[in-house]
Amino acid sequence: MRTEQRSAADEALRKIYSFNLQRFRAESELVPPQNRLYHYTTAEGLKGIVENHEIWATSAYYLNDSAEIAYGCKVATEAMASWAMRKTAEKSFPSAMVEMLRAVFTSDLSDVGVYRPVFLACFCENDNLLSQWRFYGQSGGYSVGISVPTPQVGVPPTMMPEPVIYTAKWAKVVYDKVEQLARCQNALDGTLSTLMPPEVGKDIFSQNPEGIFGVKRFLAIIADILLDEIVAFKDKAFDVENEWRIVVRPRELYKEGQDDGGKTPVPIYFRTRNGVVVPYVKILPTTGHHTHLPIVSVRTGPTLDKNNAALSVNMLMQNSGYTGIAVTGSDITVRL
């Protein structure tokens, strides 16, 4: 039987899918030390996590360091400029695509028209970190230990975002600027190389711009892959944190659950902080597999009375069905 030949645009899209799958597999192989990470929170935050069996992923545009996404966008545009210089002699479709990407990543992030939903839950490799305790100051603070099992084929994760049309991925934060640029360059090379043959650009431009093989579709996919990189970028000044993140957002090339075309509203919640309304989504135990979050430990902050704090935490954990949880206190001296 004769197999119908794929179009140039179809073939290019398949190659980008393959490239992205390789990226995803490589990222999935990263695991934290002892398969454990720590989420720092307040007393009220700890109470909500334990009693409601949920962790909040805050909109990336409202993090304590609100410049993080802007920082990542700047790194991405630097990588685009470097890519364009290497390809300066080539007036090609990929060169035009880079110019369109620059426009996307230099747009005003507060503009609703260019807003891309990104929600982050942040964790550290260290459960007794001075910089985190200083941040929580007189409120004491707690670090909640979460088990992060090594990914296995066919085994569902222990936690998933409530919005089923959003996907969640663990990401290890990158602090080194050279590595950040290299990762963006790799994303650009891996995607734009598929668009180099002249027949690819010709085929894409002959399509409906809004269609599955249209120029806007390719632009969205490449921007999506770059966004997947920059949400894990942070300035080197913060490298003591050894941070990991659960990144929750809609993705073009990888979806969990069912996307019903927007018929089901995405459950986004709001809280207030310092007079500002802050959006967040919930990360919950995987439905049908777990009823509790994979909490394995809680450390109380250094400004708290260790004995009293440990007693109340143990009572809280047991009252919410968490057993065998290691509760310890910090001995670090904090000057406030």
C-alpha atoms as a PDB file:
ATOM      1  CA  MET A   1       0.000   0.000   0.000  1.00  0.00           C
ATOM      2  CA  ARG A   2       1.361   3.388  -0.919  1.00  0.00           C
ATOM      3  CA  THR A   3       1.948   5.772   2.026  1.00  0.00           C
ATOM      4  CA  GLU A   4       0.939   9.378   1.474  1.00  0.00           C
ATOM      5  CA  GLN A   5       3.959  11.678   1.555  1.00  0.00           C
ATOM      6  CA  ARG A   6       4.012  14.168   4.412  1.00  0.00           C
ATOM      7  CA  SER A   7       4.154  17.879   3.668  1.00  0.00           C
ATOM      8  CA  ALA A   8       7.307  19.827   4.496  1.00  0.00           C
ATOM      9  CA  ALA A   9       5.497  21.639   7.329  1.00  0.00           C
ATOM     10  CA  ASP A  10       4.178  18.359   8.742  1.00  0.00           C
ATOM     11  CA  GLU A  11       7.656  16.827   8.697  1.00  0.00           C
ATOM     12  CA  ALA A  12       9.156  19.899  10.407  1.00  0.00           C
ATOM     13  CA  LEU A  13       6.505  19.797  13.116  1.00  0.00           C
ATOM     14  CA  ARG A  14       7.165  16.102  13.753  1.00  0.00           C
ATOM     15  CA  LYS A  15      10.876  16.804  14.163  1.00  0.00           C
ATOM     16  CA  ILE A  16      10.140  19.560  16.689  1.00  0.00           C
ATOM     17  CA  TYR A  17       7.889  17.148  18.588  1.00  0.00           C
ATOM     18  CA  SER A  18      10.753  14.628  18.661  1.00  0.00           C
ATOM     19  CA  PHE A  19      13.249  17.246  19.845  1.00  0.00           C
ATOM     20  CA  ASN A  20      10.920  18.338  22.639  1.00  0.00           C
ATOM     21  CA  LEU A  21      10.350  14.746  23.718  1.00  0.00           C
ATOM     22  CA  GLN A  22      14.120  14.267  24.064  1.00  0.00           C
ATOM     23  CA  ARG A  23      14.278  17.406  26.226  1.00  0.00           C
ATOM     24  CA  PHE A  24      11.447  16.165  28.407  1.00  0.00           C
ATOM     25  CA  ARG A  25      13.045  12.747  28.919  1.00  0.00           C
ATOM     26  CA  ALA A  26      16.390  14.298  29.863  1.00  0.00           C
ATOM     27  CA  GLU A  27      14.723  16.616  32.391  1.00  0.00           C
ATOM     28  CA  SER A  28      12.725  13.733  33.864  1.00  0.00           C
ATOM     29  CA  GLU A  29      15.951  11.910  34.738  1.00  0.00           C
ATOM     30  CA  LEU A  30      16.976  14.675  37.160  1.00  0.00           C
ATOM     31  CA  VAL A  31      16.151  13.862  40.785  1.00  0.00           C
ATOM     32  CA  PRO A  32      17.008  15.775  43.973  1.00  0.00           C
ATOM     33  CA  PRO A  33      19.389  14.393  46.638  1.00  0.00           C
ATOM     34  CA  GLN A  34      17.789  11.545  48.588  1.00  0.00           C
ATOM     35  CA  ASN A  35      14.646  12.124  46.491  1.00  0.00           C
ATOM     36  CA  ARG A  36      13.548  14.836  48.887  1.00  0.00           C
ATOM     37  CA  LEU A  37      12.863  18.573  48.670  1.00  0.00           C
ATOM     38  CA  TYR A  38      11.693  21.196  51.152  1.00  0.00           C
ATOM     39  CA  HIS A  39       8.968  23.818  50.876  1.00  0.00           C
ATOM     40  CA  TYR A  40       9.287  26.802  53.223  1.00  0.00           C
ATOM     41  CA  THR A  41       6.077  28.309  54.497  1.00  0.00           C
ATOM     42  CA  THR A  42       4.384  30.190  57.342  1.00  0.00           C
ATOM     43  CA  ALA A  43       2.362  28.683  60.186  1.00  0.00           C
ATOM     44  CA  GLU A  44      -0.835  29.443  58.283  1.00  0.00           C
ATOM     45  CA  GLY A  45       0.672  27.918  55.150  1.00  0.00           C
ATOM     46  CA  LEU A  46       1.662  24.739  56.979  1.00  0.00           C
ATOM     47  CA  LYS A  47      -1.845  24.427  58.436  1.00  0.00           C
ATOM     48  CA  GLY A  48      -3.419  24.766  54.962  1.00  0.00           C
ATOM     49  CA  ILE A  49      -1.015  22.276  53.360  1.00  0.00           C
ATOM     50  CA  VAL A  50      -1.613  19.614  55.987  1.00  0.00           C
ATOM     51  CA  GLU A  51      -5.345  20.034  56.598  1.00  0.00           C
ATOM     52  CA  ASN A  52      -6.360  20.534  52.965  1.00  0.00           C
ATOM     53  CA  HIS A  53      -3.748  18.209  51.408  1.00  0.00           C
ATOM     54  CA  GLU A  54      -2.705  20.837  48.868  1.00  0.00           C
ATOM     55  CA  ILE A  55       0.258  22.990  47.911  1.00  0.00           C
ATOM     56  CA  TRP A  56      -0.276  26.317  46.211  1.00  0.00           C
ATOM     57  CA  ALA A  57       1.571  27.192  43.012  1.00  0.00           C
ATOM     58  CA  THR A  58       1.714  30.982  42.768  1.00  0.00           C
ATOM     59  CA  SER A  59       1.591  32.920  39.516  1.00  0.00           C
ATOM     60  CA  ALA A  60       5.195  33.495  38.435  1.00  0.00           C
ATOM     61  CA  TYR A  61       4.413  37.170  37.925  1.00  0.00           C
ATOM     62  CA  TYR A  62       3.692  37.565  41.655  1.00  0.00           C
ATOM     63  CA  LEU A  63       6.654  35.766  43.230  1.00  0.00           C
ATOM     64  CA  ASN A  64       8.658  37.444  45.990  1.00  0.00           C
ATOM     65  CA  ASP A  65      11.201  38.295  43.290  1.00  0.00           C
ATOM     66  CA  SER A  66       8.802  39.496  40.607  1.00  0.00           C
ATOM     67  CA  ALA A  67      11.670  40.183  38.191  1.00  0.00           C
ATOM     68  CA  GLU A  68      12.407  36.480  37.608  1.00  0.00           C
ATOM     69  CA  ILE A  69      10.341  36.046  34.439  1.00  0.00           C
ATOM     70  CA  ALA A  70      11.684  39.324  33.052  1.00  0.00           C
ATOM     71  CA  TYR A  71      15.212  38.058  33.775  1.00  0.00           C
ATOM     72  CA  GLY A  72      14.537  34.842  31.857  1.00  0.00           C
ATOM     73  CA  CYS A  73      13.076  36.758  28.919  1.00  0.00           C
ATOM     74  CA  LYS A  74      16.217  38.902  28.782  1.00  0.00           C
ATOM     75  CA  VAL A  75      18.433  35.797  28.660  1.00  0.00           C
ATOM     76  CA  ALA A  76      16.272  34.343  25.877  1.00  0.00           C
ATOM     77  CA  THR A  77      16.537  37.507  23.771  1.00  0.00           C
ATOM     78  CA  GLU A  78      20.317  37.539  24.264  1.00  0.00           C
ATOM     79  CA  ALA A  79      20.426  33.988  22.932  1.00  0.00           C
ATOM     80  CA  MET A  80      18.282  35.033  19.964  1.00  0.00           C
ATOM     81  CA  ALA A  81      20.667  37.894  19.173  1.00  0.00           C
ATOM     82  CA  SER A  82      23.608  35.469  19.286  1.00  0.00           C
ATOM     83  CA  TRP A  83      21.766  33.011  17.023  1.00  0.00           C
ATOM     84  CA  ALA A  84      20.957  35.800  14.556  1.00  0.00           C
ATOM     85  CA  MET A  85      24.617  36.891  14.422  1.00  0.00           C
ATOM     86  CA  ARG A  86      25.706  33.352  13.576  1.00  0.00           C
ATOM     87  CA  LYS A  87      23.102  33.193  10.819  1.00  0.00           C
ATOM     88  CA  THR A  88      23.477  36.784   9.617  1.00  0.00           C
ATOM     89  CA  ALA A  89      24.208  35.771   6.038  1.00  0.00           C
ATOM     90  CA  GLU A  90      21.046  33.705   5.797  1.00  0.00           C
ATOM     91  CA  LYS A  91      17.839  35.527   4.910  1.00  0.00           C
ATOM     92  CA  SER A  92      15.650  32.588   5.745  1.00  0.00           C
ATOM     93  CA  PHE A  93      12.363  31.668   7.344  1.00  0.00           C
ATOM     94  CA  PRO A  94      14.123  30.803  10.668  1.00  0.00           C
ATOM     95  CA  SER A  95      15.653  34.308  10.702  1.00  0.00           C
ATOM     96  CA  ALA A  96      12.184  35.778  10.335  1.00  0.00           C
ATOM     97  CA  MET A  97      10.952  33.471  13.090  1.00  0.00           C
ATOM     98  CA  VAL A  98      13.665  34.742  15.455  1.00  0.00           C
ATOM     99  CA  GLU A  99      12.497  38.322  14.873  1.00  0.00           C
ATOM    100  CA  MET A 100       8.948  37.261  15.754  1.00  0.00           C
ATOM    101  CA  LEU A 101      10.236  35.487  18.857  1.00  0.00           C
ATOM    102  CA  ARG A 102      12.076  38.627  19.932  1.00  0.00           C
ATOM    103  CA  ALA A 103       8.814  40.536  19.764  1.00  0.00           C
ATOM    104  CA  VAL A 104       7.141  37.926  21.967  1.00  0.00           C
ATOM    105  CA  PHE A 105       9.851  37.930  24.638  1.00  0.00           C
ATOM    106  CA  THR A 106      10.252  41.707  24.764  1.00  0.00           C
ATOM    107  CA  SER A 107       6.523  42.389  25.147  1.00  0.00           C
ATOM    108  CA  ASP A 108       5.123  44.000  28.274  1.00  0.00           C
ATOM    109  CA  LEU A 109       4.398  41.020  30.523  1.00  0.00           C
ATOM    110  CA  SER A 110       1.548  42.912  32.219  1.00  0.00           C
ATOM    111  CA  ASP A 111      -0.308  43.083  28.897  1.00  0.00           C
ATOM    112  CA  VAL A 112      -3.242  40.662  29.070  1.00  0.00           C
ATOM    113  CA  GLY A 113      -2.834  40.033  25.341  1.00  0.00           C
ATOM    114  CA  VAL A 114       0.616  38.483  25.779  1.00  0.00           C
ATOM    115  CA  TYR A 115       0.148  37.003  29.262  1.00  0.00           C
ATOM    116  CA  ARG A 116       1.110  33.319  29.477  1.00  0.00           C
ATOM    117  CA  PRO A 117      -0.114  31.442  32.569  1.00  0.00           C
ATOM    118  CA  VAL A 118       2.814  30.130  34.632  1.00  0.00           C
ATOM    119  CA  PHE A 119       2.401  28.978  38.231  1.00  0.00           C
ATOM    120  CA  LEU A 120       5.298  27.932  40.463  1.00  0.00           C
ATOM    121  CA  ALA A 121       5.633  26.038  43.739  1.00  0.00           C
ATOM    122  CA  CYS A 122       9.170  26.484  45.050  1.00  0.00           C
ATOM    123  CA  PHE A 123      11.339  24.043  47.001  1.00  0.00           C
ATOM    124  CA  CYS A 124      14.938  23.874  48.284  1.00  0.00           C
ATOM    125  CA  GLU A 125      17.378  20.996  48.646  1.00  0.00           C
ATOM    126  CA  ASN A 126      18.198  22.162  52.204  1.00  0.00           C
ATOM    127  CA  ASP A 127      15.571  22.122  54.972  1.00  0.00           C
ATOM    128  CA  ASN A 128      17.555  24.397  57.297  1.00  0.00           C
ATOM    129  CA  LEU A 129      18.568  27.352  55.158  1.00  0.00           C
ATOM    130  CA  LEU A 130      19.506  30.636  56.843  1.00  0.00           C
ATOM    131  CA  SER A 131      18.300  32.856  53.990  1.00  0.00           C
ATOM    132  CA  GLN A 132      14.854  31.255  54.123  1.00  0.00           C
ATOM    133  CA  TRP A 133      14.565  31.570  57.885  1.00  0.00           C
ATOM    134  CA  ARG A 134      15.549  35.231  57.668  1.00  0.00           C
ATOM    135  CA  PHE A 135      12.794  35.790  55.117  1.00  0.00           C
ATOM    136  CA  TYR A 136      10.152  34.457  57.519  1.00  0.00           C
ATOM    137  CA  GLY A 137      11.550  36.553  60.382  1.00  0.00           C
ATOM    138  CA  GLN A 138       9.420  36.792  63.506  1.00  0.00           C
ATOM    139  CA  SER A 139       6.771  34.488  62.008  1.00  0.00           C
ATOM    140  CA  GLY A 140       9.100  31.542  62.609  1.00  0.00           C
ATOM    141  CA  GLY A 141       8.481  29.583  59.477  1.00  0.00           C
ATOM    142  CA  TYR A 142       8.477  25.875  58.678  1.00  0.00           C
ATOM    143  CA  SER A 143      10.169  23.720  56.060  1.00  0.00           C
ATOM    144  CA  VAL A 144       8.010  20.856  54.818  1.00  0.00           C
ATOM    145  CA  GLY A 145       9.869  17.822  53.449  1.00  0.00           C
ATOM    146  CA  ILE A 146       8.315  16.298  50.331  1.00  0.00           C
ATOM    147  CA  SER A 147       9.252  12.913  48.855  1.00  0.00           C
ATOM    148  CA  VAL A 148      10.060  13.179  45.145  1.00  0.00           C
ATOM    149  CA  PRO A 149      10.200   9.642  43.733  1.00  0.00           C
ATOM    150  CA  THR A 150      12.325   8.857  40.708  1.00  0.00           C
ATOM    151  CA  PRO A 151      10.025   8.930  37.642  1.00  0.00           C
ATOM    152  CA  GLN A 152       9.075   5.505  36.324  1.00  0.00           C
ATOM    153  CA  VAL A 153       7.335   4.589  33.094  1.00  0.00           C
ATOM    154  CA  GLY A 154       3.715   3.717  33.761  1.00  0.00           C
ATOM    155  CA  VAL A 155       3.794   4.992  37.347  1.00  0.00           C
ATOM    156  CA  PRO A 156       1.786   8.208  37.921  1.00  0.00           C
ATOM    157  CA  PRO A 157       3.330  11.089  39.881  1.00  0.00           C
ATOM    158  CA  THR A 158       2.296  11.535  43.507  1.00  0.00           C
ATOM    159  CA  MET A 159       1.040  15.099  42.915  1.00  0.00           C
ATOM    160  CA  MET A 160      -0.702  16.809  40.013  1.00  0.00           C
ATOM    161  CA  PRO A 161      -2.215  20.246  39.403  1.00  0.00           C
ATOM    162  CA  GLU A 162      -5.954  20.607  39.856  1.00  0.00           C
ATOM    163  CA  PRO A 163      -6.445  22.195  36.405  1.00  0.00           C
ATOM    164  CA  VAL A 164      -6.381  19.038  34.273  1.00  0.00           C
ATOM    165  CA  ILE A 165      -5.559  20.977  31.110  1.00  0.00           C
ATOM    166  CA  TYR A 166      -2.381  22.290  32.751  1.00  0.00           C
ATOM    167  CA  THR A 167       0.746  20.160  33.052  1.00  0.00           C
ATOM    168  CA  ALA A 168       3.209  20.042  35.941  1.00  0.00           C
ATOM    169  CA  LYS A 169       6.945  19.414  35.635  1.00  0.00           C
ATOM    170  CA  TRP A 170       9.725  19.416  38.189  1.00  0.00           C
ATOM    171  CA  ALA A 171      12.466  21.840  37.156  1.00  0.00           C
ATOM    172  CA  LYS A 172      15.881  22.310  38.769  1.00  0.00           C
ATOM    173  CA  VAL A 173      16.693  26.022  38.830  1.00  0.00           C
ATOM    174  CA  VAL A 174      19.699  27.109  36.756  1.00  0.00           C
ATOM    175  CA  TYR A 175      21.783  29.996  38.164  1.00  0.00           C
ATOM    176  CA  ASP A 176      24.792  30.044  35.821  1.00  0.00           C
ATOM    177  CA  LYS A 177      24.366  32.601  33.029  1.00  0.00           C
ATOM    178  CA  VAL A 178      26.545  30.642  30.603  1.00  0.00           C
ATOM    179  CA  GLU A 179      24.433  27.524  31.080  1.00  0.00           C
ATOM    180  CA  GLN A 180      21.232  29.550  30.759  1.00  0.00           C
ATOM    181  CA  LEU A 181      22.346  30.956  27.399  1.00  0.00           C
ATOM    182  CA  ALA A 182      23.483  27.512  26.262  1.00  0.00           C
ATOM    183  CA  ARG A 183      20.087  26.012  27.057  1.00  0.00           C
ATOM    184  CA  CYS A 184      18.307  28.740  25.096  1.00  0.00           C
ATOM    185  CA  GLN A 185      20.731  28.282  22.189  1.00  0.00           C
ATOM    186  CA  ASN A 186      20.062  24.551  22.214  1.00  0.00           C
ATOM    187  CA  ALA A 187      16.310  25.172  22.119  1.00  0.00           C
ATOM    188  CA  LEU A 188      16.710  27.565  19.198  1.00  0.00           C
ATOM    189  CA  ASP A 189      19.059  25.261  17.284  1.00  0.00           C
ATOM    190  CA  GLY A 190      16.886  22.222  17.899  1.00  0.00           C
ATOM    191  CA  THR A 191      13.734  23.882  16.610  1.00  0.00           C
ATOM    192  CA  LEU A 192      14.890  26.370  13.993  1.00  0.00           C
ATOM    193  CA  SER A 193      17.120  23.839  12.229  1.00  0.00           C
ATOM    194  CA  THR A 194      13.967  22.002  11.156  1.00  0.00           C
ATOM    195  CA  LEU A 195      12.788  25.175   9.412  1.00  0.00           C
ATOM    196  CA  MET A 196      15.970  25.764   7.399  1.00  0.00           C
ATOM    197  CA  PRO A 197      15.016  24.018   4.118  1.00  0.00           C
ATOM    198  CA  PRO A 198      13.401  26.641   1.829  1.00  0.00           C
ATOM    199  CA  GLU A 199      10.479  24.343   1.078  1.00  0.00           C
ATOM    200  CA  VAL A 200       9.515  24.311   4.780  1.00  0.00           C
ATOM    201  CA  GLY A 201       9.040  28.066   5.007  1.00  0.00           C
ATOM    202  CA  LYS A 202       7.233  28.105   1.690  1.00  0.00           C
ATOM    203  CA  ASP A 203       4.860  25.389   2.838  1.00  0.00           C
ATOM    204  CA  ILE A 204       4.183  27.043   6.207  1.00  0.00           C
ATOM    205  CA  PHE A 205       3.443  30.422   4.615  1.00  0.00           C
ATOM    206  CA  SER A 206       1.037  28.757   2.181  1.00  0.00           C
ATOM    207  CA  GLN A 207      -1.050  27.520   5.140  1.00  0.00           C
ATOM    208  CA  ASN A 208      -3.724  29.308   7.122  1.00  0.00           C
ATOM    209  CA  PRO A 209      -1.671  31.307   9.699  1.00  0.00           C
ATOM    210  CA  GLU A 210      -4.009  30.099  12.447  1.00  0.00           C
ATOM    211  CA  GLY A 211      -3.988  26.460  11.284  1.00  0.00           C
ATOM    212  CA  ILE A 212      -2.127  23.464  12.673  1.00  0.00           C
ATOM    213  CA  PHE A 213       0.746  23.987  10.207  1.00  0.00           C
ATOM    214  CA  GLY A 214       0.478  27.789  10.099  1.00  0.00           C
ATOM    215  CA  VAL A 215       3.157  30.278  11.065  1.00  0.00           C
ATOM    216  CA  LYS A 216       1.421  31.246  14.320  1.00  0.00           C
ATOM    217  CA  ARG A 217       1.356  27.610  15.392  1.00  0.00           C
ATOM    218  CA  PHE A 218       5.114  27.206  14.855  1.00  0.00           C
ATOM    219  CA  LEU A 219       5.782  30.514  16.610  1.00  0.00           C
ATOM    220  CA  ALA A 220       3.689  29.426  19.613  1.00  0.00           C
ATOM    221  CA  ILE A 221       5.444  26.055  19.845  1.00  0.00           C
ATOM    222  CA  ILE A 222       8.989  27.459  19.723  1.00  0.00           C
ATOM    223  CA  ALA A 223       8.080  30.229  22.195  1.00  0.00           C
ATOM    224  CA  ASP A 224       6.585  27.530  24.429  1.00  0.00           C
ATOM    225  CA  ILE A 225       9.812  25.500  24.414  1.00  0.00           C
ATOM    226  CA  LEU A 226      11.849  28.606  25.268  1.00  0.00           C
ATOM    227  CA  LEU A 227       9.429  29.481  28.056  1.00  0.00           C
ATOM    228  CA  ASP A 228       9.931  25.982  29.448  1.00  0.00           C
ATOM    229  CA  GLU A 229      13.622  26.847  29.793  1.00  0.00           C
ATOM    230  CA  ILE A 230      13.447  30.366  31.220  1.00  0.00           C
ATOM    231  CA  VAL A 231      10.963  29.567  34.004  1.00  0.00           C
ATOM    232  CA  ALA A 232      13.869  27.692  35.631  1.00  0.00           C
ATOM    233  CA  PHE A 233      16.340  30.605  35.338  1.00  0.00           C
ATOM    234  CA  LYS A 234      17.391  32.719  38.301  1.00  0.00           C
ATOM    235  CA  ASP A 235      20.172  35.196  39.032  1.00  0.00           C
ATOM    236  CA  LYS A 236      23.379  33.658  40.439  1.00  0.00           C
ATOM    237  CA  ALA A 237      22.967  35.711  43.630  1.00  0.00           C
ATOM    238  CA  PHE A 238      20.329  33.185  44.721  1.00  0.00           C
ATOM    239  CA  ASP A 239      22.339  30.009  44.065  1.00  0.00           C
ATOM    240  CA  VAL A 240      22.652  29.163  47.781  1.00  0.00           C
ATOM    241  CA  GLU A 241      18.980  28.134  47.638  1.00  0.00           C
ATOM    242  CA  ASN A 242      19.569  25.148  45.326  1.00  0.00           C
ATOM    243  CA  GLU A 243      15.963  25.601  44.273  1.00  0.00           C
ATOM    244  CA  TRP A 244      13.630  23.251  42.430  1.00  0.00           C
ATOM    245  CA  ARG A 245      10.190  24.148  41.149  1.00  0.00           C
ATOM    246  CA  ILE A 246       6.953  22.530  40.188  1.00  0.00           C
ATOM    247  CA  VAL A 247       6.082  24.463  37.040  1.00  0.00           C
ATOM    248  CA  VAL A 248       2.363  24.400  36.275  1.00  0.00           C
ATOM    249  CA  ARG A 249       1.147  25.782  32.955  1.00  0.00           C
ATOM    250  CA  PRO A 250      -0.562  24.889  29.684  1.00  0.00           C
ATOM    251  CA  ARG A 251       1.918  23.433  27.193  1.00  0.00           C
ATOM    252  CA  GLU A 252       1.615  23.199  23.428  1.00  0.00           C
ATOM    253  CA  LEU A 253       3.303  19.827  22.969  1.00  0.00           C
ATOM    254  CA  TYR A 254       2.536  17.906  26.140  1.00  0.00           C
ATOM    255  CA  LYS A 255      -0.805  17.730  27.897  1.00  0.00           C
ATOM    256  CA  GLU A 256      -2.232  15.866  30.866  1.00  0.00           C
ATOM    257  CA  GLY A 257      -5.979  15.380  31.167  1.00  0.00           C
ATOM    258  CA  GLN A 258      -8.359  16.663  28.537  1.00  0.00           C
ATOM    259  CA  ASP A 259      -8.396  20.032  26.851  1.00  0.00           C
ATOM    260  CA  ASP A 260     -12.031  20.575  25.932  1.00  0.00           C
ATOM    261  CA  GLY A 261     -11.438  23.803  24.055  1.00  0.00           C
ATOM    262  CA  GLY A 262     -12.007  26.061  27.031  1.00  0.00           C
ATOM    263  CA  LYS A 263     -15.455  24.766  27.973  1.00  0.00           C
ATOM    264  CA  THR A 264     -14.279  23.805  31.457  1.00  0.00           C
ATOM    265  CA  PRO A 265     -13.088  26.844  33.455  1.00  0.00           C
ATOM    266  CA  VAL A 266      -9.563  26.550  34.808  1.00  0.00           C
ATOM    267  CA  PRO A 267      -9.788  26.586  38.630  1.00  0.00           C
ATOM    268  CA  ILE A 268      -7.638  29.581  39.560  1.00  0.00           C
ATOM    269  CA  TYR A 269      -7.846  30.937  43.100  1.00  0.00           C
ATOM    270  CA  PHE A 270      -6.822  34.245  44.648  1.00  0.00           C
ATOM    271  CA  ARG A 271      -5.285  35.365  47.899  1.00  0.00           C
ATOM    272  CA  THR A 272      -4.064  38.736  49.093  1.00  0.00           C
ATOM    273  CA  ARG A 273      -0.505  39.648  50.016  1.00  0.00           C
ATOM    274  CA  ASN A 274       0.748  43.113  50.887  1.00  0.00           C
ATOM    275  CA  GLY A 275      -2.402  44.671  49.477  1.00  0.00           C
ATOM    276  CA  VAL A 276      -2.150  42.842  46.122  1.00  0.00           C
ATOM    277  CA  VAL A 277      -4.469  40.132  44.767  1.00  0.00           C
ATOM    278  CA  VAL A 278      -2.281  37.103  43.911  1.00  0.00           C
ATOM    279  CA  PRO A 279      -3.491  34.254  41.629  1.00  0.00           C
ATOM    280  CA  TYR A 280      -2.608  30.632  42.384  1.00  0.00           C
ATOM    281  CA  VAL A 281      -3.563  27.061  41.480  1.00  0.00           C
ATOM    282  CA  LYS A 282      -3.661  23.984  43.673  1.00  0.00           C
ATOM    283  CA  ILE A 283      -1.341  20.979  43.508  1.00  0.00           C
ATOM    284  CA  LEU A 284      -3.112  17.932  44.914  1.00  0.00           C
ATOM    285  CA  PRO A 285      -2.397  14.263  45.619  1.00  0.00           C
ATOM    286  CA  THR A 286      -2.851  12.224  42.450  1.00  0.00           C
ATOM    287  CA  THR A 287      -6.509  11.255  42.205  1.00  0.00           C
ATOM    288  CA  GLY A 288      -7.147   7.544  42.665  1.00  0.00           C
ATOM    289  CA  HIS A 289      -3.653   6.836  43.964  1.00  0.00           C
ATOM    290  CA  HIS A 290      -3.133   9.003  47.051  1.00  0.00           C
ATOM    291  CA  THR A 291      -5.257  10.858  49.565  1.00  0.00           C
ATOM    292  CA  HIS A 292      -2.405  12.683  51.279  1.00  0.00           C
ATOM    293  CA  LEU A 293       0.553  14.690  50.062  1.00  0.00           C
ATOM    294  CA  PRO A 294       3.927  12.854  50.170  1.00  0.00           C
ATOM    295  CA  ILE A 295       5.075  14.743  53.295  1.00  0.00           C
ATOM    296  CA  VAL A 296       7.947  13.052  55.134  1.00  0.00           C
ATOM    297  CA  SER A 297       9.211  15.719  57.542  1.00  0.00           C
ATOM    298  CA  VAL A 298       8.625  19.155  59.050  1.00  0.00           C
ATOM    299  CA  ARG A 299      11.309  21.413  60.542  1.00  0.00           C
ATOM    300  CA  THR A 300      10.304  24.352  62.721  1.00  0.00           C
ATOM    301  CA  GLY A 301      12.077  27.671  62.313  1.00  0.00           C
ATOM    302  CA  PRO A 302      14.822  28.927  64.648  1.00  0.00           C
ATOM    303  CA  THR A 303      12.746  31.734  66.171  1.00  0.00           C
ATOM    304  CA  LEU A 304      10.202  29.229  67.545  1.00  0.00           C
ATOM    305  CA  ASP A 305      10.302  27.342  70.828  1.00  0.00           C
ATOM    306  CA  LYS A 306      11.374  23.907  69.576  1.00  0.00           C
ATOM    307  CA  ASN A 307       9.490  21.844  72.121  1.00  0.00           C
ATOM    308  CA  ASN A 308       6.161  23.659  71.898  1.00  0.00           C
ATOM    309  CA  ALA A 309       6.391  24.012  68.118  1.00  0.00           C
ATOM    310  CA  ALA A 310       7.170  20.316  67.660  1.00  0.00           C
ATOM    311  CA  LEU A 311       4.280  19.294  69.920  1.00  0.00           C
ATOM    312  CA  SER A 312       1.727  21.358  68.003  1.00  0.00           C
ATOM    313  CA  VAL A 313       3.068  20.195  64.624  1.00  0.00           C
ATOM    314  CA  ASN A 314       2.863  16.553  65.673  1.00  0.00           C
ATOM    315  CA  MET A 315      -0.713  17.072  66.794  1.00  0.00           C
ATOM    316  CA  LEU A 316      -1.565  18.808  63.521  1.00  0.00           C
ATOM    317  CA  MET A 317      -0.042  16.031  61.437  1.00  0.00           C
ATOM    318  CA  GLN A 318      -1.749  13.229  63.339  1.00  0.00           C
ATOM    319  CA  ASN A 319      -5.094  15.015  63.318  1.00  0.00           C
ATOM    320  CA  SER A 320      -4.890  15.206  59.508  1.00  0.00           C
ATOM    321  CA  GLY A 321      -3.924  11.565  59.031  1.00  0.00           C
ATOM    322  CA  TYR A 322      -0.157  11.980  58.568  1.00  0.00           C
ATOM    323  CA  THR A 323       1.786   9.400  60.557  1.00  0.00           C
ATOM    324  CA  GLY A 324       5.488   8.720  60.964  1.00  0.00           C
ATOM    325  CA  ILE A 325       6.448  12.313  60.111  1.00  0.00           C
ATOM    326  CA  ALA A 326       9.840  13.449  61.436  1.00  0.00           C
ATOM    327  CA  VAL A 327       9.437  16.783  63.250  1.00  0.00           C
ATOM    328  CA  THR A 328      12.632  18.635  64.174  1.00  0.00           C
ATOM    329  CA  GLY A 329      13.660  22.168  65.090  1.00  0.00           C
ATOM    330  CA  SER A 330      16.356  24.469  63.738  1.00  0.00           C
ATOM    331  CA  ASP A 331      19.343  25.365  65.909  1.00  0.00           C
ATOM    332  CA  ILE A 332      20.437  28.232  63.651  1.00  0.00           C
ATOM    333  CA  THR A 333      20.762  31.606  65.389  1.00  0.00           C
ATOM    334  CA  VAL A 334      18.931  34.278  63.420  1.00  0.00           C
ATOM    335  CA  ARG A 335      19.459  37.990  64.042  1.00  0.00           C
ATOM    336  CA  LEU A 336      16.341  39.864  62.984  1.00  0.00           C
END
